[in-house]
Amino acid sequence: MAGMVKGRLALAVTLLAAAAATAAEPARELTHRVWLLSGVPDAGMLTALRAAGVDGLVVPVGRVEVGDGSSRFTLAPLPDLRALAGWPVTALVWVDGADKASGDPQAFAAQFAPAQRGLPGSPRLLFASRRFFPGLAGFATGVASRLKQTVELAAPVQELAAHLPPRGWTHIRPVAVALGNPSALGFPAATLQDDLAALDRLDATGTPYRVAVVVAPLADPAPGPAGASLALLASGETAVYAPGERGDTFRLRQPVDWGGVEVAAGRSITVEAVDTARYHRDLGLLLRPARPALEGWDTVGLPAPEPALGMSREAFLEYLQGGSPYPVPRVDVEWVGSATMRVALANPTAQASALSTTGNWVELRFAGTEVRDAQLGEFSGMEYGSIDAGGTWRRTAARGASALRFYLTFIPPQARVAGALVTFISRPRAVETRWGMRVGDGGAVTGSLEGVALRKR
């Protein structure tokens, strides 16, 4: 369960492996940008991003409405950008348009000039459109000609793959919005398989491109400015959890403070979020195949600090600096009597598990005795079982059990789930523990068996 190799080294290893597999091109260094959709972070966070291998930042500056022969640019309120001095900065402009409207590139260039002068350095320009329309590429090409620079164009990967000409567009660098959680920003939702097939079609053109992975969460209702975490909803006393086709639904048993917004009992909260495990999976699918024209990837939306839905800012940095994309918990066992032990699960990492009714568990194996009594504490459920010769867990009656499993719906970051008490008829000859978790990429991870000392410390 080793984590990603730190910073640029991870990319170099990935690309070297791809190059060795194809023996076609030497390994290249990809670049990583972050879209600052929620403002400019403080100097400390900017330093941490640079240390984690982030190469550039994307700053939203406004929106342009493209009509038939007309362009109307609306400048967004810009934060203090002086902290971005020394960073490669790209100006993001959202594009609204339809059909064959290709706008007025000259008018846009004049309207955009003040925003361009207000950004540090020599910013590049990135257009982003949630839907591709026939006039979009013509508008972007015209602006590139007026500005005398290459302009980037972000759009859904499947639509880019369907419309990109064999040799690409003149002075336009495609940015394919793929994988991640695109619907959080209004891009069309897509299946993983469809996105990967579209990326393969982009690869086949040989046109240099980037990929933008949206990590912003989507919640209905949206939480307030104080932020919210799934840990708030994971308790069975608070809500009834139900997995959905996209995301998770929680029907509230009692009112909750949803990041500063009161949500009444009886209502439902739906959440679709990208955690670090899913982000790690998406980067693997993006970077592991040989993609000679891929120039890098964008993380769309700097994650919020804890409390956060999905990957937090702390988890993002921990991962980029070489940490595991999964929680790495430990089972803590303490003898509190001659034949009674207290069981806890501690997660010291910034990563969280996925939600699951039985996929997150702590297992207690014992020999030479039976369980007299077991209390859940903060765990959500428990089963008696045994382990067969192949190592498979099987449910049993209490009398025939040689193992217990304690379940929990969610393993939060930097958390400790405690309070389970197990009393045996007599002190066991041996006790071992292990843990298992569902993670956000759809898989599961399991810890190794650990022996427990049979004497009090």
Protein backbone atom coordinates (compact mmCIF):
# COMPACT_ATOMS: atom_id res chain seq x y z
CA MET A 1 0.00 0.00 0.00
CA ALA A 2 2.89 2.27 -0.75
CA GLY A 3 2.05 5.87 -1.49
CA MET A 4 2.91 7.86 -4.55
CA VAL A 5 6.58 8.73 -4.93
CA LYS A 6 7.16 12.36 -4.03
CA GLY A 7 6.48 15.16 -6.51
CA ARG A 8 8.21 15.11 -9.87
CA LEU A 9 9.91 11.77 -9.16
CA ALA A 10 6.53 10.05 -9.33
CA LEU A 11 5.88 11.47 -12.77
CA ALA A 12 9.33 10.53 -13.98
CA VAL A 13 8.88 6.94 -12.80
CA THR A 14 5.47 6.72 -14.48
CA LEU A 15 6.73 8.10 -17.76
CA LEU A 16 9.86 5.97 -17.75
CA ALA A 17 7.70 2.88 -17.33
CA ALA A 18 5.48 3.94 -20.20
CA ALA A 19 8.49 4.68 -22.39
CA ALA A 20 10.05 1.32 -21.58
CA ALA A 21 6.81 -0.43 -22.50
CA THR A 22 6.63 1.24 -25.90
CA ALA A 23 10.37 1.83 -26.57
CA ALA A 24 9.19 4.75 -28.68
CA GLU A 25 10.09 8.01 -26.91
CA PRO A 26 12.21 9.05 -23.95
CA ALA A 27 10.36 9.89 -20.75
CA ARG A 28 9.05 13.46 -20.50
CA GLU A 29 8.24 15.53 -17.46
CA LEU A 30 4.57 16.40 -17.25
CA THR A 31 3.37 19.57 -15.55
CA HIS A 32 0.64 19.92 -12.94
CA ARG A 33 -1.56 23.00 -12.55
CA VAL A 34 -4.25 23.78 -10.00
CA TRP A 35 -7.37 25.83 -10.75
CA LEU A 36 -7.98 28.31 -7.91
CA LEU A 37 -11.76 28.42 -8.17
CA SER A 38 -12.29 29.64 -4.59
CA GLY A 39 -9.77 32.44 -4.43
CA VAL A 40 -6.04 32.78 -3.83
CA PRO A 41 -4.73 30.82 -0.83
CA ASP A 42 -2.35 32.32 1.68
CA ALA A 43 1.41 32.43 1.22
CA GLY A 44 1.93 29.33 3.34
CA MET A 45 -0.36 27.24 1.16
CA LEU A 46 1.25 28.55 -2.02
CA THR A 47 4.64 27.51 -0.65
CA ALA A 48 3.23 24.06 0.19
CA LEU A 49 1.82 23.67 -3.33
CA ARG A 50 5.16 24.52 -4.86
CA ALA A 51 6.92 22.06 -2.54
CA ALA A 52 4.40 19.39 -3.58
CA GLY A 53 5.34 19.76 -7.25
CA VAL A 54 2.56 22.03 -8.53
CA ASP A 55 3.92 23.92 -11.56
CA GLY A 56 1.27 26.53 -12.31
CA LEU A 57 -1.99 28.12 -11.21
CA VAL A 58 -5.20 28.91 -13.08
CA VAL A 59 -7.14 31.98 -11.94
CA PRO A 60 -10.74 32.71 -13.06
CA VAL A 61 -11.01 36.26 -14.41
CA GLY A 62 -14.44 36.40 -16.01
CA ARG A 63 -16.94 35.17 -18.55
CA VAL A 64 -17.54 35.92 -22.23
CA GLU A 65 -20.84 35.60 -24.07
CA VAL A 66 -20.16 34.73 -27.70
CA GLY A 67 -22.80 35.72 -30.20
CA ASP A 68 -23.02 35.99 -33.96
CA GLY A 69 -20.35 38.63 -34.57
CA SER A 70 -20.37 39.89 -31.00
CA SER A 71 -18.47 39.21 -27.77
CA ARG A 72 -19.31 40.55 -24.32
CA PHE A 73 -16.71 39.97 -21.63
CA THR A 74 -17.69 40.38 -17.97
CA LEU A 75 -14.78 40.77 -15.58
CA ALA A 76 -15.09 38.85 -12.32
CA PRO A 77 -14.10 40.49 -9.02
CA LEU A 78 -10.41 39.67 -8.69
CA PRO A 79 -8.73 39.00 -5.35
CA ASP A 80 -5.33 40.41 -4.40
CA LEU A 81 -3.01 38.60 -6.81
CA ARG A 82 0.33 39.90 -5.56
CA ALA A 83 1.02 36.58 -3.78
CA LEU A 84 1.12 34.88 -7.19
CA ALA A 85 4.25 36.74 -8.27
CA GLY A 86 6.76 34.23 -9.55
CA TRP A 87 4.13 31.64 -10.44
CA PRO A 88 3.22 30.68 -14.01
CA VAL A 89 -0.36 31.97 -14.11
CA THR A 90 -3.11 31.14 -16.60
CA ALA A 91 -6.21 33.34 -16.88
CA LEU A 92 -9.46 31.34 -17.04
CA VAL A 93 -12.39 32.75 -19.00
CA TRP A 94 -15.66 30.80 -19.11
CA VAL A 95 -17.37 30.83 -22.52
CA ASP A 96 -21.11 30.84 -23.20
CA GLY A 97 -22.30 30.38 -26.76
CA ALA A 98 -24.30 28.24 -29.14
CA ASP A 99 -24.42 26.97 -32.71
CA LYS A 100 -22.03 28.60 -35.18
CA ALA A 101 -21.60 31.87 -33.27
CA SER A 102 -17.89 32.67 -33.37
CA GLY A 103 -18.04 36.04 -31.62
CA ASP A 104 -15.85 39.08 -32.24
CA PRO A 105 -12.23 38.16 -31.34
CA GLN A 106 -11.01 41.74 -31.78
CA ALA A 107 -13.62 43.11 -29.37
CA PHE A 108 -12.83 40.40 -26.84
CA ALA A 109 -9.08 41.10 -27.02
CA ALA A 110 -9.74 44.76 -26.24
CA GLN A 111 -12.13 43.93 -23.38
CA PHE A 112 -9.75 41.35 -21.93
CA ALA A 113 -6.64 43.57 -21.98
CA PRO A 114 -7.22 45.25 -18.57
CA ALA A 115 -7.66 41.84 -16.88
CA GLN A 116 -4.52 40.58 -18.59
CA ARG A 117 -2.52 43.54 -17.34
CA GLY A 118 -3.79 42.96 -13.80
CA LEU A 119 -2.32 39.45 -13.62
CA PRO A 120 1.32 38.91 -12.60
CA GLY A 121 3.87 37.90 -15.21
CA SER A 122 2.80 37.05 -18.74
CA PRO A 123 -0.36 35.04 -18.22
CA ARG A 124 -1.63 32.52 -20.72
CA LEU A 125 -5.31 32.44 -21.64
CA LEU A 126 -7.58 29.44 -21.09
CA PHE A 127 -11.13 29.36 -22.43
CA ALA A 128 -13.46 26.82 -20.79
CA SER A 129 -16.85 25.83 -22.16
CA ARG A 130 -19.18 23.32 -20.53
CA ARG A 131 -20.53 22.39 -23.95
CA PHE A 132 -18.76 22.41 -27.29
CA PHE A 133 -20.52 24.43 -29.99
CA PRO A 134 -19.45 24.76 -33.64
CA GLY A 135 -18.29 28.39 -33.38
CA LEU A 136 -16.15 27.84 -30.27
CA ALA A 137 -12.93 26.80 -31.97
CA GLY A 138 -13.24 29.64 -34.50
CA PHE A 139 -13.62 32.17 -31.71
CA ALA A 140 -10.61 30.79 -29.81
CA THR A 141 -8.49 30.73 -32.98
CA GLY A 142 -9.40 34.33 -33.73
CA VAL A 143 -8.47 35.44 -30.22
CA ALA A 144 -5.15 33.57 -30.45
CA SER A 145 -4.38 35.44 -33.66
CA ARG A 146 -5.23 38.81 -32.08
CA LEU A 147 -3.18 38.14 -28.94
CA LYS A 148 -0.35 36.55 -30.93
CA GLN A 149 -0.13 33.61 -28.53
CA THR A 150 -1.37 30.05 -28.17
CA VAL A 151 -4.72 29.89 -26.37
CA GLU A 152 -5.97 26.88 -24.45
CA LEU A 153 -9.49 25.52 -24.87
CA ALA A 154 -11.09 23.33 -22.19
CA ALA A 155 -14.20 21.30 -23.01
CA PRO A 156 -15.62 17.84 -22.25
CA VAL A 157 -13.23 15.18 -23.51
CA GLN A 158 -15.81 13.32 -25.55
CA GLU A 159 -16.86 16.48 -27.39
CA LEU A 160 -13.23 17.50 -28.01
CA ALA A 161 -12.44 14.04 -29.35
CA ALA A 162 -15.44 14.23 -31.68
CA HIS A 163 -14.60 17.68 -33.12
CA LEU A 164 -10.80 17.99 -33.03
CA PRO A 165 -9.46 17.93 -36.63
CA PRO A 166 -6.66 15.47 -37.45
CA ARG A 167 -3.96 18.17 -37.09
CA GLY A 168 -5.70 20.11 -34.33
CA TRP A 169 -6.67 23.78 -34.42
CA THR A 170 -4.20 26.53 -35.24
CA HIS A 171 -2.64 28.04 -32.10
CA ILE A 172 -5.15 26.20 -29.86
CA ARG A 173 -4.08 23.75 -27.14
CA PRO A 174 -6.95 21.43 -26.14
CA VAL A 175 -7.61 20.80 -22.44
CA ALA A 176 -9.83 17.75 -22.05
CA VAL A 177 -12.15 17.73 -19.02
CA ALA A 178 -12.20 14.06 -18.10
CA LEU A 179 -12.48 11.64 -15.18
CA GLY A 180 -13.00 13.18 -11.71
CA ASN A 181 -16.36 14.81 -10.97
CA PRO A 182 -17.14 17.09 -13.96
CA SER A 183 -20.82 17.51 -13.09
CA ALA A 184 -19.80 19.48 -9.98
CA LEU A 185 -18.95 22.38 -12.34
CA GLY A 186 -21.77 21.83 -14.82
CA PHE A 187 -19.87 19.70 -17.32
CA PRO A 188 -21.80 16.64 -18.55
CA ALA A 189 -21.39 13.49 -16.48
CA ALA A 190 -19.74 10.57 -18.26
CA THR A 191 -18.75 7.00 -17.55
CA LEU A 192 -15.14 6.12 -16.90
CA GLN A 193 -15.05 3.88 -19.96
CA ASP A 194 -16.40 6.60 -22.28
CA ASP A 195 -13.84 9.13 -21.02
CA LEU A 196 -10.95 6.69 -21.49
CA ALA A 197 -12.13 5.85 -25.01
CA ALA A 198 -12.27 9.57 -25.83
CA LEU A 199 -8.75 10.08 -24.45
CA ASP A 200 -7.55 7.28 -26.73
CA ARG A 201 -9.09 9.11 -29.70
CA LEU A 202 -7.31 12.33 -28.68
CA ASP A 203 -4.04 10.41 -28.40
CA ALA A 204 -4.50 9.11 -31.93
CA THR A 205 -4.52 12.65 -33.37
CA GLY A 206 -1.03 13.37 -32.03
CA THR A 207 -2.14 16.89 -31.01
CA PRO A 208 -0.50 18.11 -27.76
CA TYR A 209 -3.12 18.39 -25.03
CA ARG A 210 -3.72 18.52 -21.27
CA VAL A 211 -6.35 16.80 -19.12
CA ALA A 212 -8.39 18.59 -16.44
CA VAL A 213 -9.61 16.43 -13.54
CA VAL A 214 -12.41 18.07 -11.54
CA VAL A 215 -12.11 17.32 -7.82
CA ALA A 216 -14.74 19.81 -6.61
CA PRO A 217 -17.58 18.12 -4.67
CA LEU A 218 -21.27 18.34 -5.51
CA ALA A 219 -23.85 18.41 -2.71
CA ASP A 220 -27.59 19.09 -2.62
CA PRO A 221 -28.26 21.14 -0.63
CA ALA A 222 -24.88 22.83 -0.78
CA PRO A 223 -23.22 23.24 2.62
CA GLY A 224 -22.67 26.65 4.13
CA PRO A 225 -19.36 28.51 4.27
CA ALA A 226 -18.20 26.71 7.43
CA GLY A 227 -17.66 23.53 5.42
CA ALA A 228 -19.05 20.04 5.97
CA SER A 229 -17.82 16.48 6.24
CA LEU A 230 -19.36 13.07 5.55
CA ALA A 231 -18.48 12.16 9.14
CA LEU A 232 -21.41 14.35 10.19
CA LEU A 233 -23.83 12.16 8.21
CA ALA A 234 -22.27 8.72 8.62
CA SER A 235 -23.78 8.03 12.06
CA GLY A 236 -26.91 5.90 11.91
CA GLU A 237 -28.41 8.08 14.61
CA THR A 238 -28.12 11.12 12.33
CA ALA A 239 -29.13 9.78 8.93
CA VAL A 240 -30.06 6.71 6.90
CA TYR A 241 -27.33 6.11 4.32
CA ALA A 242 -28.04 4.75 0.84
CA PRO A 243 -25.44 4.44 -1.96
CA GLY A 244 -26.54 5.87 -5.29
CA GLU A 245 -25.52 5.45 -8.91
CA ARG A 246 -23.59 8.71 -8.55
CA GLY A 247 -22.71 9.69 -5.03
CA ASP A 248 -24.50 8.94 -1.76
CA THR A 249 -27.84 9.91 -0.22
CA PHE A 250 -28.54 10.54 3.46
CA ARG A 251 -32.10 10.83 4.76
CA LEU A 252 -31.88 12.80 7.99
CA ARG A 253 -33.29 11.34 11.19
CA GLN A 254 -32.56 14.61 12.99
CA PRO A 255 -31.71 18.19 11.94
CA VAL A 256 -28.06 18.92 11.17
CA ASP A 257 -25.89 22.00 10.93
CA TRP A 258 -24.70 21.59 7.34
CA GLY A 259 -21.70 23.91 7.31
CA GLY A 260 -23.71 26.73 8.84
CA VAL A 261 -26.98 25.87 7.05
CA GLU A 262 -29.72 24.15 9.07
CA VAL A 263 -31.20 21.12 7.27
CA ALA A 264 -34.37 19.75 8.84
CA ALA A 265 -35.07 16.15 9.84
CA GLY A 266 -36.81 14.18 7.09
CA ARG A 267 -34.93 15.92 4.29
CA SER A 268 -32.23 14.22 2.25
CA ILE A 269 -28.69 15.34 1.49
CA THR A 270 -26.95 13.95 -1.59
CA VAL A 271 -23.19 14.13 -2.01
CA GLU A 272 -20.90 13.22 -4.88
CA ALA A 273 -17.26 13.77 -3.99
CA VAL A 274 -13.80 12.77 -5.19
CA ASP A 275 -11.61 11.41 -2.43
CA THR A 276 -7.87 10.83 -2.71
CA ALA A 277 -8.24 7.17 -3.66
CA ARG A 278 -10.42 8.10 -6.63
CA TYR A 279 -8.06 10.91 -7.63
CA HIS A 280 -5.15 8.44 -7.43
CA ARG A 281 -7.04 5.97 -9.63
CA ASP A 282 -7.85 8.65 -12.20
CA LEU A 283 -4.23 9.83 -12.36
CA GLY A 284 -3.13 6.22 -12.83
CA LEU A 285 -5.53 5.77 -15.75
CA LEU A 286 -4.34 9.06 -17.20
CA LEU A 287 -0.57 8.67 -16.73
CA ARG A 288 0.20 4.97 -16.94
CA PRO A 289 -0.58 4.36 -20.65
CA ALA A 290 1.86 5.78 -23.19
CA ARG A 291 0.37 9.14 -24.19
CA PRO A 292 3.10 10.87 -26.23
CA ALA A 293 1.07 14.06 -26.78
CA LEU A 294 -0.01 14.54 -23.15
CA GLU A 295 1.65 17.63 -21.66
CA GLY A 296 0.28 17.41 -18.15
CA TRP A 297 -2.83 17.55 -16.03
CA ASP A 298 -4.87 20.13 -14.15
CA THR A 299 -6.49 19.60 -10.77
CA VAL A 300 -9.70 21.59 -11.10
CA GLY A 301 -10.50 23.16 -7.74
CA LEU A 302 -8.03 23.44 -4.87
CA PRO A 303 -9.67 21.21 -2.22
CA ALA A 304 -11.09 22.90 0.86
CA PRO A 305 -9.39 22.50 4.23
CA GLU A 306 -11.03 20.20 6.77
CA PRO A 307 -13.93 19.84 7.24
CA ALA A 308 -14.28 18.93 3.56
CA LEU A 309 -16.41 16.75 1.32
CA GLY A 310 -14.13 14.26 -0.37
CA MET A 311 -10.42 15.01 -0.63
CA SER A 312 -9.42 17.78 1.75
CA ARG A 313 -6.58 20.24 1.20
CA GLU A 314 -4.55 18.39 3.84
CA ALA A 315 -5.17 15.04 2.11
CA PHE A 316 -4.25 16.52 -1.28
CA LEU A 317 -0.91 17.79 -0.02
CA GLU A 318 -0.20 14.62 1.94
CA TYR A 319 -0.71 12.57 -1.22
CA LEU A 320 1.33 14.84 -3.53
CA GLN A 321 4.20 14.70 -1.04
CA GLY A 322 4.35 10.90 -1.21
CA GLY A 323 1.66 9.77 1.23
CA SER A 324 -0.73 6.91 0.68
CA PRO A 325 -4.01 7.70 -1.14
CA TYR A 326 -5.78 5.53 1.46
CA PRO A 327 -6.13 5.78 5.22
CA VAL A 328 -3.53 3.69 7.05
CA PRO A 329 -5.29 2.99 10.34
CA ARG A 330 -4.15 0.91 13.26
CA VAL A 331 -6.11 -1.25 15.67
CA ASP A 332 -5.48 -0.34 19.30
CA VAL A 333 -6.25 -3.01 21.90
CA GLU A 334 -6.06 -2.46 25.66
CA TRP A 335 -6.71 -5.04 28.39
CA VAL A 336 -9.03 -3.49 30.98
CA GLY A 337 -9.59 -6.67 33.00
CA SER A 338 -8.32 -10.21 33.28
CA ALA A 339 -10.38 -11.30 30.28
CA THR A 340 -11.78 -7.98 28.95
CA MET A 341 -10.28 -5.83 26.21
CA ARG A 342 -11.15 -2.45 24.73
CA VAL A 343 -10.87 -2.19 20.93
CA ALA A 344 -10.34 1.07 18.99
CA LEU A 345 -9.45 2.04 15.44
CA ALA A 346 -7.19 5.07 14.98
CA ASN A 347 -6.60 6.81 11.64
CA PRO A 348 -3.64 9.22 11.92
CA THR A 349 -3.70 10.19 8.21
CA ALA A 350 -5.56 12.96 6.38
CA GLN A 351 -7.26 10.35 4.16
CA ALA A 352 -10.76 8.93 4.68
CA SER A 353 -12.45 5.69 3.71
CA ALA A 354 -15.45 5.38 1.43
CA LEU A 355 -18.89 4.95 2.94
CA SER A 356 -20.01 1.35 3.36
CA THR A 357 -22.37 -0.61 5.59
CA THR A 358 -20.06 -3.63 5.99
CA GLY A 359 -16.94 -2.76 3.99
CA ASN A 360 -15.15 -0.94 6.83
CA TRP A 361 -14.30 -3.24 9.71
CA VAL A 362 -11.99 -4.26 12.53
CA GLU A 363 -11.46 -7.99 12.94
CA LEU A 364 -10.52 -9.65 16.22
CA ARG A 365 -9.33 -13.29 16.03
CA PHE A 366 -8.94 -15.34 19.18
CA ALA A 367 -8.20 -18.93 20.21
CA GLY A 368 -8.90 -21.16 23.21
CA THR A 369 -11.99 -19.41 24.57
CA GLU A 370 -15.42 -17.97 23.77
CA VAL A 371 -16.88 -14.49 23.92
CA ARG A 372 -19.01 -13.87 26.99
CA ASP A 373 -20.13 -10.36 25.99
CA ALA A 374 -19.38 -7.72 23.34
CA GLN A 375 -20.41 -4.05 23.37
CA LEU A 376 -20.27 -1.88 20.24
CA GLY A 377 -19.12 1.42 21.70
CA GLU A 378 -18.78 3.82 18.76
CA PHE A 379 -18.90 1.09 16.12
CA SER A 380 -22.09 0.68 14.07
CA GLY A 381 -22.45 -3.10 14.09
CA MET A 382 -20.84 -6.45 14.89
CA GLU A 383 -20.82 -10.05 13.70
CA TYR A 384 -19.50 -13.35 15.03
CA GLY A 385 -17.49 -15.43 12.60
CA SER A 386 -14.64 -17.78 11.83
CA ILE A 387 -11.80 -17.88 9.33
CA ASP A 388 -11.66 -20.92 7.02
CA ALA A 389 -8.51 -22.60 5.74
CA GLY A 390 -8.35 -20.20 2.79
CA GLY A 391 -8.49 -17.15 5.03
CA THR A 392 -12.10 -16.28 4.16
CA TRP A 393 -14.38 -14.74 6.78
CA ARG A 394 -17.58 -16.69 7.48
CA ARG A 395 -20.43 -15.70 9.76
CA THR A 396 -21.19 -18.13 12.57
CA ALA A 397 -23.22 -18.41 15.74
CA ALA A 398 -21.67 -16.90 18.84
CA ARG A 399 -20.83 -20.29 20.38
CA GLY A 400 -18.78 -21.45 17.38
CA ALA A 401 -17.04 -18.15 16.73
CA SER A 402 -13.28 -17.68 16.66
CA ALA A 403 -13.42 -14.09 15.44
CA LEU A 404 -15.42 -10.88 15.74
CA ARG A 405 -15.90 -8.09 13.25
CA PHE A 406 -16.84 -4.57 14.31
CA TYR A 407 -18.24 -2.40 11.52
CA LEU A 408 -18.22 1.33 10.93
CA THR A 409 -19.85 3.23 8.07
CA PHE A 410 -17.02 5.71 7.61
CA ILE A 411 -13.43 6.13 8.75
CA PRO A 412 -12.83 9.89 9.02
CA PRO A 413 -9.42 11.50 8.69
CA GLN A 414 -7.39 12.15 11.83
CA ALA A 415 -9.97 10.25 13.90
CA ARG A 416 -10.28 7.53 16.50
CA VAL A 417 -13.27 5.18 16.75
CA ALA A 418 -13.29 3.62 20.20
CA GLY A 419 -15.30 2.06 22.94
CA ALA A 420 -15.87 -1.57 21.89
CA LEU A 421 -15.53 -3.91 24.85
CA VAL A 422 -15.03 -7.66 24.47
CA THR A 423 -15.20 -9.97 27.47
CA PHE A 424 -14.08 -13.58 27.09
CA ILE A 425 -15.05 -16.54 29.28
CA SER A 426 -11.32 -16.97 29.97
CA ARG A 427 -8.16 -15.31 28.76
CA PRO A 428 -7.50 -16.41 25.12
CA ARG A 429 -4.39 -18.36 24.12
CA ALA A 430 -3.82 -15.91 21.26
CA VAL A 431 -5.40 -12.73 19.86
CA GLU A 432 -4.78 -11.13 16.45
CA THR A 433 -6.30 -8.08 14.78
CA ARG A 434 -6.58 -6.66 11.31
CA TRP A 435 -8.70 -4.08 9.50
CA GLY A 436 -10.40 -3.65 6.12
CA MET A 437 -11.71 -0.62 4.24
CA ARG A 438 -13.71 0.34 1.21
CA VAL A 439 -11.99 3.16 -0.67
CA GLY A 440 -13.20 5.71 -3.16
CA ASP A 441 -11.80 4.02 -6.26
CA GLY A 442 -14.31 1.18 -5.80
CA GLY A 443 -11.82 -1.24 -4.30
CA ALA A 444 -10.87 -2.41 -0.84
CA VAL A 445 -7.66 -2.46 1.20
CA THR A 446 -6.84 -4.74 4.12
CA GLY A 447 -4.26 -4.48 6.86
CA SER A 448 -2.00 -7.33 7.89
CA LEU A 449 -2.60 -9.51 10.93
CA GLU A 450 -1.09 -8.10 14.11
CA GLY A 451 -0.61 -10.06 17.33
CA VAL A 452 -1.91 -8.67 20.61
CA ALA A 453 0.02 -9.03 23.86
CA LEU A 454 -1.88 -11.26 26.30
CA ARG A 455 -0.80 -9.36 29.40
CA LYS A 456 -1.76 -5.90 30.58
CA ARG A 457 0.86 -3.29 29.85
